[in-house]
Amino acid sequence: MKLSPIKEGLKYSIIVVTYNGIGSTIKCLDSIYKWTKDFELIVVDNNSTDGTAGYLKEFSQKHENCK
């Protein structure tokens, strides 16, 4: 996997790992977007079966700094 360079102006790379924790993941992402600026967000779903993957797909389409 080739990593892309961090966009100019970004100060933080935040990585969130989740597995079947959609409720906690939603709260975590909401908090990150409320309190943090100038960041890229990388969310890793470990093959959840509770709908987390679908939520994250929609979320990343709405937030360009989320991968």
PDB file of N, CA and C in Angstrom:
ATOM      1  N   MET A   1       0.847  -1.174   0.000  1.00  0.00           N
ATOM      2  CA  MET A   1       0.000   0.000   0.000  1.00  0.00           C
ATOM      3  C   MET A   1       0.889   1.233   0.000  1.00  0.00           C
ATOM      4  N   LYS A   2       0.650   2.127  -0.925  1.00  0.00           N
ATOM      5  CA  LYS A   2       1.416   3.363  -1.004  1.00  0.00           C
ATOM      6  C   LYS A   2       0.719   4.441  -0.182  1.00  0.00           C
ATOM      7  N   LEU A   3       1.462   5.052   0.708  1.00  0.00           N
ATOM      8  CA  LEU A   3       0.900   6.108   1.551  1.00  0.00           C
ATOM      9  C   LEU A   3       0.974   7.440   0.823  1.00  0.00           C
ATOM     10  N   SER A   4      -0.060   8.207   0.944  1.00  0.00           N
ATOM     11  CA  SER A   4      -0.062   9.532   0.328  1.00  0.00           C
ATOM     12  C   SER A   4       0.531  10.532   1.320  1.00  0.00           C
ATOM     13  N   PRO A   5       1.193  11.552   0.811  1.00  0.00           N
ATOM     14  CA  PRO A   5       1.751  12.557   1.720  1.00  0.00           C
ATOM     15  C   PRO A   5       0.640  13.300   2.447  1.00  0.00           C
ATOM     16  N   ILE A   6       0.938  13.755   3.632  1.00  0.00           N
ATOM     17  CA  ILE A   6      -0.037  14.520   4.409  1.00  0.00           C
ATOM     18  C   ILE A   6      -0.250  15.864   3.723  1.00  0.00           C
ATOM     19  N   LYS A   7      -1.494  16.249   3.594  1.00  0.00           N
ATOM     20  CA  LYS A   7      -1.829  17.523   2.970  1.00  0.00           C
ATOM     21  C   LYS A   7      -1.258  18.691   3.764  1.00  0.00           C
ATOM     22  N   GLU A   8      -0.853  19.704   3.036  1.00  0.00           N
ATOM     23  CA  GLU A   8      -0.310  20.899   3.679  1.00  0.00           C
ATOM     24  C   GLU A   8      -1.344  21.482   4.643  1.00  0.00           C
ATOM     25  N   GLY A   9      -0.893  21.860   5.809  1.00  0.00           N
ATOM     26  CA  GLY A   9      -1.774  22.464   6.802  1.00  0.00           C
ATOM     27  C   GLY A   9      -2.290  21.478   7.839  1.00  0.00           C
ATOM     28  N   LEU A  10      -2.200  20.174   7.543  1.00  0.00           N
ATOM     29  CA  LEU A  10      -2.643  19.191   8.519  1.00  0.00           C
ATOM     30  C   LEU A  10      -1.568  19.007   9.578  1.00  0.00           C
ATOM     31  N   LYS A  11      -1.999  18.994  10.829  1.00  0.00           N
ATOM     32  CA  LYS A  11      -1.050  18.864  11.928  1.00  0.00           C
ATOM     33  C   LYS A  11      -1.088  17.485  12.565  1.00  0.00           C
ATOM     34  N   TYR A  12      -2.197  16.765  12.409  1.00  0.00           N
ATOM     35  CA  TYR A  12      -2.367  15.502  13.107  1.00  0.00           C
ATOM     36  C   TYR A  12      -2.882  14.420  12.170  1.00  0.00           C
ATOM     37  N   SER A  13      -2.447  13.200  12.421  1.00  0.00           N
ATOM     38  CA  SER A  13      -3.053  12.011  11.829  1.00  0.00           C
ATOM     39  C   SER A  13      -3.635  11.222  12.994  1.00  0.00           C
ATOM     40  N   ILE A  14      -4.931  11.014  12.968  1.00  0.00           N
ATOM     41  CA  ILE A  14      -5.615  10.292  14.039  1.00  0.00           C
ATOM     42  C   ILE A  14      -6.070   8.952  13.482  1.00  0.00           C
ATOM     43  N   ILE A  15      -5.730   7.879  14.186  1.00  0.00           N
ATOM     44  CA  ILE A  15      -6.118   6.534  13.760  1.00  0.00           C
ATOM     45  C   ILE A  15      -7.061   5.957  14.804  1.00  0.00           C
ATOM     46  N   VAL A  16      -8.227   5.489  14.331  1.00  0.00           N
ATOM     47  CA  VAL A  16      -9.220   4.864  15.207  1.00  0.00           C
ATOM     48  C   VAL A  16      -9.416   3.431  14.715  1.00  0.00           C
ATOM     49  N   VAL A  17      -9.309   2.472  15.625  1.00  0.00           N
ATOM     50  CA  VAL A  17      -9.534   1.063  15.296  1.00  0.00           C
ATOM     51  C   VAL A  17     -10.822   0.631  15.983  1.00  0.00           C
ATOM     52  N   THR A  18     -11.684  -0.068  15.226  1.00  0.00           N
ATOM     53  CA  THR A  18     -12.968  -0.469  15.791  1.00  0.00           C
ATOM     54  C   THR A  18     -13.327  -1.894  15.380  1.00  0.00           C
ATOM     55  N   TYR A  19     -14.095  -2.548  16.237  1.00  0.00           N
ATOM     56  CA  TYR A  19     -14.657  -3.864  15.936  1.00  0.00           C
ATOM     57  C   TYR A  19     -15.979  -3.996  16.684  1.00  0.00           C
ATOM     58  N   ASN A  20     -17.059  -4.056  15.946  1.00  0.00           N
ATOM     59  CA  ASN A  20     -18.404  -4.200  16.512  1.00  0.00           C
ATOM     60  C   ASN A  20     -18.676  -3.200  17.631  1.00  0.00           C
ATOM     61  N   GLY A  21     -18.291  -1.970  17.389  1.00  0.00           N
ATOM     62  CA  GLY A  21     -18.497  -0.933  18.397  1.00  0.00           C
ATOM     63  C   GLY A  21     -19.089   0.314  17.773  1.00  0.00           C
ATOM     64  N   ILE A  22     -20.163   0.154  17.018  1.00  0.00           N
ATOM     65  CA  ILE A  22     -20.706   1.289  16.272  1.00  0.00           C
ATOM     66  C   ILE A  22     -21.082   2.453  17.192  1.00  0.00           C
ATOM     67  N   GLY A  23     -21.663   2.173  18.337  1.00  0.00           N
ATOM     68  CA  GLY A  23     -22.057   3.248  19.252  1.00  0.00           C
ATOM     69  C   GLY A  23     -20.858   4.031  19.754  1.00  0.00           C
ATOM     70  N   SER A  24     -19.845   3.325  20.186  1.00  0.00           N
ATOM     71  CA  SER A  24     -18.624   3.979  20.668  1.00  0.00           C
ATOM     72  C   SER A  24     -17.896   4.694  19.540  1.00  0.00           C
ATOM     73  N   THR A  25     -17.907   4.094  18.358  1.00  0.00           N
ATOM     74  CA  THR A  25     -17.233   4.699  17.206  1.00  0.00           C
ATOM     75  C   THR A  25     -17.896   6.015  16.830  1.00  0.00           C
ATOM     76  N   ILE A  26     -19.211   6.048  16.810  1.00  0.00           N
ATOM     77  CA  ILE A  26     -19.938   7.282  16.494  1.00  0.00           C
ATOM     78  C   ILE A  26     -19.590   8.370  17.504  1.00  0.00           C
ATOM     79  N   LYS A  27     -19.605   8.035  18.789  1.00  0.00           N
ATOM     80  CA  LYS A  27     -19.254   9.016  19.822  1.00  0.00           C
ATOM     81  C   LYS A  27     -17.827   9.501  19.663  1.00  0.00           C
ATOM     82  N   CYS A  28     -16.920   8.592  19.365  1.00  0.00           N
ATOM     83  CA  CYS A  28     -15.508   8.938  19.194  1.00  0.00           C
ATOM     84  C   CYS A  28     -15.327   9.898  18.022  1.00  0.00           C
ATOM     85  N   LEU A  29     -15.919   9.573  16.866  1.00  0.00           N
ATOM     86  CA  LEU A  29     -15.768  10.420  15.686  1.00  0.00           C
ATOM     87  C   LEU A  29     -16.415  11.782  15.896  1.00  0.00           C
ATOM     88  N   ASP A  30     -17.580  11.802  16.533  1.00  0.00           N
ATOM     89  CA  ASP A  30     -18.233  13.080  16.837  1.00  0.00           C
ATOM     90  C   ASP A  30     -17.326  13.958  17.704  1.00  0.00           C
ATOM     91  N   SER A  31     -16.702  13.367  18.696  1.00  0.00           N
ATOM     92  CA  SER A  31     -15.818  14.110  19.587  1.00  0.00           C
ATOM     93  C   SER A  31     -14.590  14.627  18.844  1.00  0.00           C
ATOM     94  N   ILE A  32     -14.012  13.796  17.998  1.00  0.00           N
ATOM     95  CA  ILE A  32     -12.842  14.216  17.213  1.00  0.00           C
ATOM     96  C   ILE A  32     -13.189  15.431  16.361  1.00  0.00           C
ATOM     97  N   TYR A  33     -14.318  15.371  15.660  1.00  0.00           N
ATOM     98  CA  TYR A  33     -14.690  16.481  14.780  1.00  0.00           C
ATOM     99  C   TYR A  33     -15.117  17.718  15.556  1.00  0.00           C
ATOM    100  N   LYS A  34     -15.587  17.538  16.767  1.00  0.00           N
ATOM    101  CA  LYS A  34     -15.994  18.687  17.578  1.00  0.00           C
ATOM    102  C   LYS A  34     -14.791  19.428  18.152  1.00  0.00           C
ATOM    103  N   TRP A  35     -13.752  18.701  18.573  1.00  0.00           N
ATOM    104  CA  TRP A  35     -12.671  19.293  19.349  1.00  0.00           C
ATOM    105  C   TRP A  35     -11.317  19.397  18.634  1.00  0.00           C
ATOM    106  N   THR A  36     -11.194  18.845  17.438  1.00  0.00           N
ATOM    107  CA  THR A  36      -9.897  18.807  16.781  1.00  0.00           C
ATOM    108  C   THR A  36      -9.959  19.516  15.435  1.00  0.00           C
ATOM    109  N   LYS A  37      -8.882  20.208  15.097  1.00  0.00           N
ATOM    110  CA  LYS A  37      -8.792  20.894  13.804  1.00  0.00           C
ATOM    111  C   LYS A  37      -7.503  20.470  13.117  1.00  0.00           C
ATOM    112  N   ASP A  38      -7.445  20.667  11.815  1.00  0.00           N
ATOM    113  CA  ASP A  38      -6.234  20.408  11.033  1.00  0.00           C
ATOM    114  C   ASP A  38      -5.748  18.975  11.185  1.00  0.00           C
ATOM    115  N   PHE A  39      -6.585  18.008  10.822  1.00  0.00           N
ATOM    116  CA  PHE A  39      -6.223  16.604  10.989  1.00  0.00           C
ATOM    117  C   PHE A  39      -6.723  15.760   9.826  1.00  0.00           C
ATOM    118  N   GLU A  40      -6.112  14.604   9.688  1.00  0.00           N
ATOM    119  CA  GLU A  40      -6.661  13.569   8.832  1.00  0.00           C
ATOM    120  C   GLU A  40      -7.067  12.430   9.747  1.00  0.00           C
ATOM    121  N   LEU A  41      -8.115  11.735   9.374  1.00  0.00           N
ATOM    122  CA  LEU A  41      -8.646  10.662  10.199  1.00  0.00           C
ATOM    123  C   LEU A  41      -8.593   9.362   9.410  1.00  0.00           C
ATOM    124  N   ILE A  42      -7.986   8.357  10.005  1.00  0.00           N
ATOM    125  CA  ILE A  42      -7.929   7.027   9.406  1.00  0.00           C
ATOM    126  C   ILE A  42      -8.675   6.094  10.351  1.00  0.00           C
ATOM    127  N   VAL A  43      -9.738   5.478   9.847  1.00  0.00           N
ATOM    128  CA  VAL A  43     -10.523   4.567  10.673  1.00  0.00           C
ATOM    129  C   VAL A  43     -10.356   3.156  10.108  1.00  0.00           C
ATOM    130  N   VAL A  44      -9.986   2.235  10.983  1.00  0.00           N
ATOM    131  CA  VAL A  44      -9.781   0.848  10.595  1.00  0.00           C
ATOM    132  C   VAL A  44     -10.874   0.011  11.245  1.00  0.00           C
ATOM    133  N   ASP A  45     -11.698  -0.628  10.404  1.00  0.00           N
ATOM    134  CA  ASP A  45     -12.738  -1.524  10.909  1.00  0.00           C
ATOM    135  C   ASP A  45     -12.241  -2.955  10.750  1.00  0.00           C
ATOM    136  N   ASN A  46     -12.263  -3.705  11.829  1.00  0.00           N
ATOM    137  CA  ASN A  46     -11.749  -5.073  11.841  1.00  0.00           C
ATOM    138  C   ASN A  46     -12.850  -6.083  11.517  1.00  0.00           C
ATOM    139  N   ASN A  47     -13.533  -5.878  10.367  1.00  0.00           N
ATOM    140  CA  ASN A  47     -14.560  -6.803   9.873  1.00  0.00           C
ATOM    141  C   ASN A  47     -15.775  -6.893  10.800  1.00  0.00           C
ATOM    142  N   SER A  48     -16.255  -5.757  11.250  1.00  0.00           N
ATOM    143  CA  SER A  48     -17.424  -5.714  12.134  1.00  0.00           C
ATOM    144  C   SER A  48     -18.656  -6.279  11.444  1.00  0.00           C
ATOM    145  N   THR A  49     -19.562  -6.814  12.265  1.00  0.00           N
ATOM    146  CA  THR A  49     -20.823  -7.362  11.745  1.00  0.00           C
ATOM    147  C   THR A  49     -22.030  -6.576  12.249  1.00  0.00           C
ATOM    148  N   ASP A  50     -21.794  -5.422  12.880  1.00  0.00           N
ATOM    149  CA  ASP A  50     -22.879  -4.652  13.494  1.00  0.00           C
ATOM    150  C   ASP A  50     -23.268  -3.400  12.711  1.00  0.00           C
ATOM    151  N   GLY A  51     -22.817  -3.278  11.475  1.00  0.00           N
ATOM    152  CA  GLY A  51     -23.161  -2.106  10.674  1.00  0.00           C
ATOM    153  C   GLY A  51     -22.113  -1.012  10.701  1.00  0.00           C
ATOM    154  N   THR A  52     -21.038  -1.227  11.432  1.00  0.00           N
ATOM    155  CA  THR A  52     -19.988  -0.221  11.530  1.00  0.00           C
ATOM    156  C   THR A  52     -19.404   0.113  10.160  1.00  0.00           C
ATOM    157  N   ALA A  53     -19.134  -0.892   9.349  1.00  0.00           N
ATOM    158  CA  ALA A  53     -18.516  -0.674   8.032  1.00  0.00           C
ATOM    159  C   ALA A  53     -19.389   0.220   7.152  1.00  0.00           C
ATOM    160  N   GLY A  54     -20.682  -0.022   7.126  1.00  0.00           N
ATOM    161  CA  GLY A  54     -21.598   0.799   6.339  1.00  0.00           C
ATOM    162  C   GLY A  54     -21.637   2.234   6.835  1.00  0.00           C
ATOM    163  N   TYR A  55     -21.666   2.392   8.144  1.00  0.00           N
ATOM    164  CA  TYR A  55     -21.658   3.735   8.729  1.00  0.00           C
ATOM    165  C   TYR A  55     -20.382   4.472   8.334  1.00  0.00           C
ATOM    166  N   LEU A  56     -19.242   3.792   8.439  1.00  0.00           N
ATOM    167  CA  LEU A  56     -17.966   4.430   8.125  1.00  0.00           C
ATOM    168  C   LEU A  56     -17.859   4.793   6.652  1.00  0.00           C
ATOM    169  N   LYS A  57     -18.431   3.981   5.790  1.00  0.00           N
ATOM    170  CA  LYS A  57     -18.413   4.295   4.361  1.00  0.00           C
ATOM    171  C   LYS A  57     -19.175   5.597   4.102  1.00  0.00           C
ATOM    172  N   GLU A  58     -20.353   5.723   4.669  1.00  0.00           N
ATOM    173  CA  GLU A  58     -21.134   6.958   4.522  1.00  0.00           C
ATOM    174  C   GLU A  58     -20.412   8.147   5.155  1.00  0.00           C
ATOM    175  N   PHE A  59     -19.845   7.933   6.315  1.00  0.00           N
ATOM    176  CA  PHE A  59     -19.150   8.989   7.042  1.00  0.00           C
ATOM    177  C   PHE A  59     -17.980   9.521   6.223  1.00  0.00           C
ATOM    178  N   SER A  60     -17.203   8.620   5.632  1.00  0.00           N
ATOM    179  CA  SER A  60     -16.025   9.045   4.870  1.00  0.00           C
ATOM    180  C   SER A  60     -16.408   9.781   3.590  1.00  0.00           C
ATOM    181  N   GLN A  61     -17.579   9.510   3.061  1.00  0.00           N
ATOM    182  CA  GLN A  61     -18.046  10.234   1.874  1.00  0.00           C
ATOM    183  C   GLN A  61     -18.431  11.669   2.215  1.00  0.00           C
ATOM    184  N   LYS A  62     -18.806  11.919   3.454  1.00  0.00           N
ATOM    185  CA  LYS A  62     -19.204  13.253   3.902  1.00  0.00           C
ATOM    186  C   LYS A  62     -18.029  14.075   4.426  1.00  0.00           C
ATOM    187  N   HIS A  63     -16.939  13.415   4.778  1.00  0.00           N
ATOM    188  CA  HIS A  63     -15.785  14.085   5.374  1.00  0.00           C
ATOM    189  C   HIS A  63     -14.544  13.746   4.561  1.00  0.00           C
ATOM    190  N   GLU A  64     -14.050  14.713   3.798  1.00  0.00           N
ATOM    191  CA  GLU A  64     -12.929  14.447   2.899  1.00  0.00           C
ATOM    192  C   GLU A  64     -11.621  14.116   3.610  1.00  0.00           C
ATOM    193  N   ASN A  65     -11.493  14.468   4.869  1.00  0.00           N
ATOM    194  CA  ASN A  65     -10.267  14.158   5.601  1.00  0.00           C
ATOM    195  C   ASN A  65     -10.336  12.813   6.326  1.00  0.00           C
ATOM    196  N   CYS A  66     -11.364  12.041   6.048  1.00  0.00           N
ATOM    197  CA  CYS A  66     -11.539  10.715   6.662  1.00  0.00           C
ATOM    198  C   CYS A  66     -11.285   9.633   5.617  1.00  0.00           C
ATOM    199  N   LYS A  67     -10.429   8.697   5.979  1.00  0.00           N
ATOM    200  CA  LYS A  67     -10.106   7.586   5.072  1.00  0.00           C
ATOM    201  C   LYS A  67     -10.522   6.277   5.695  1.00  0.00           C
TER     202      LYS A  67
END
